[in-house]
């Protein structure tokens, strides 16, 4: 099953991505072999994850999470609860 995830980088910024193997992907980010952004802002820590049924819905969810403001991402992380996949929370 694919996952969408949010990482907190060493400088306090957030990185959002998706993968089918979460532990391997985070290890790659921390080894400097993940995304270019995390190579420059690492190490990273997983702060949010959400499992989705298929790759297509995971990619749509990743795009929706990337559109959230920092404040919205922080509320989502604090709640620990995924908001509906097609409607990002804008509380």
Protein backbone atom coordinates (compact mmCIF):
# COMPACT_ATOMS: atom_id res chain seq x y z
CA UNK A 1 0.00 0.00 0.00
CA UNK A 2 1.29 3.49 -0.80
CA UNK A 3 1.78 6.17 1.82
CA UNK A 4 1.84 9.95 1.73
CA UNK A 5 4.07 11.46 4.39
CA UNK A 6 5.30 14.72 5.88
CA UNK A 7 8.83 15.07 7.20
CA UNK A 8 10.17 17.79 9.47
CA UNK A 9 13.60 18.85 8.28
CA UNK A 10 16.45 19.91 10.57
CA UNK A 11 15.72 23.59 9.86
CA UNK A 12 12.04 23.18 10.84
CA UNK A 13 10.63 23.17 7.32
CA UNK A 14 8.30 20.45 6.03
CA UNK A 15 8.73 18.09 3.10
CA UNK A 16 5.83 16.10 1.66
CA UNK A 17 6.18 13.00 -0.48
CA UNK A 18 4.80 9.55 -1.18
CA UNK A 19 6.21 6.02 -1.28
CA UNK A 20 5.29 2.35 -1.08
CA UNK A 21 8.05 1.62 1.47
CA UNK A 22 8.05 4.30 4.15
CA UNK A 23 10.98 3.14 6.30
CA UNK A 24 13.24 2.67 3.26
CA UNK A 25 12.29 6.08 1.87
CA UNK A 26 13.00 7.92 5.14
CA UNK A 27 16.35 6.13 5.41
CA UNK A 28 17.19 7.29 1.88
CA UNK A 29 16.24 10.88 2.76
CA UNK A 30 18.52 10.76 5.81
CA UNK A 31 21.34 9.19 3.78
CA UNK A 32 21.24 12.14 1.37
CA UNK A 33 19.76 10.03 -1.43
CA UNK A 34 16.16 11.22 -1.24
CA UNK A 35 14.76 14.39 -2.71
CA UNK A 36 17.05 17.32 -3.46
CA UNK A 37 15.26 19.42 -0.85
CA UNK A 38 15.92 16.96 1.97
CA UNK A 39 19.57 16.60 0.95
CA UNK A 40 19.95 20.32 1.64
CA UNK A 41 17.74 20.49 4.75
CA UNK A 42 18.28 17.11 6.46
CA UNK A 43 18.31 15.14 8.58
CA UNK A 44 14.57 14.58 8.63
CA UNK A 45 12.00 13.10 11.01
CA UNK A 46 8.66 11.58 10.08
CA UNK A 47 5.84 13.65 11.60
CA UNK A 48 2.81 12.45 9.61
CA UNK A 49 1.83 9.49 7.48
CA UNK A 50 -1.33 8.38 5.76
CA UNK A 51 -1.93 5.08 3.97
CA UNK A 52 -4.06 5.19 0.82
CA UNK A 53 -5.55 2.44 -1.34
CA UNK A 54 -3.68 3.06 -4.60
CA UNK A 55 -0.94 5.07 -6.28
CA UNK A 56 -3.30 7.46 -8.07
CA UNK A 57 -5.12 8.53 -4.89
CA UNK A 58 -1.78 8.82 -3.08
CA UNK A 59 -0.40 11.17 -5.71
CA UNK A 60 -3.58 13.29 -5.56
CA UNK A 61 -3.33 13.41 -1.76
CA UNK A 62 0.33 14.43 -1.92
CA UNK A 63 -0.59 17.32 -4.23
CA UNK A 64 -3.37 18.39 -1.85
CA UNK A 65 -1.04 18.30 1.17
CA UNK A 66 1.58 20.35 -0.67
CA UNK A 67 -1.03 23.07 -1.21
CA UNK A 68 -1.72 23.39 2.54
CA UNK A 69 -0.24 26.34 4.38
CA UNK A 70 2.34 25.70 7.08
CA UNK A 71 -0.32 26.39 9.73
CA UNK A 72 -2.70 23.87 8.14
CA UNK A 73 0.07 21.25 7.98
CA UNK A 74 0.88 21.83 11.65
CA UNK A 75 -2.78 21.34 12.61
CA UNK A 76 -2.93 18.14 10.56
CA UNK A 77 0.27 16.85 12.18
CA UNK A 78 -0.97 17.75 15.66
CA UNK A 79 -4.31 16.03 15.10
CA UNK A 80 -2.69 12.85 13.82
CA UNK A 81 -5.87 12.32 11.82
CA UNK A 82 -6.02 12.33 8.03
CA UNK A 83 -8.50 14.76 6.60
CA UNK A 84 -10.63 13.67 3.62
CA UNK A 85 -8.42 12.78 0.65
CA UNK A 86 -10.08 15.12 -1.79
CA UNK A 87 -10.60 18.07 0.55
CA UNK A 88 -7.58 19.42 2.43
CA UNK A 89 -8.49 20.80 5.83
CA UNK A 90 -8.44 24.57 6.00
CA UNK A 91 -9.56 24.99 9.59
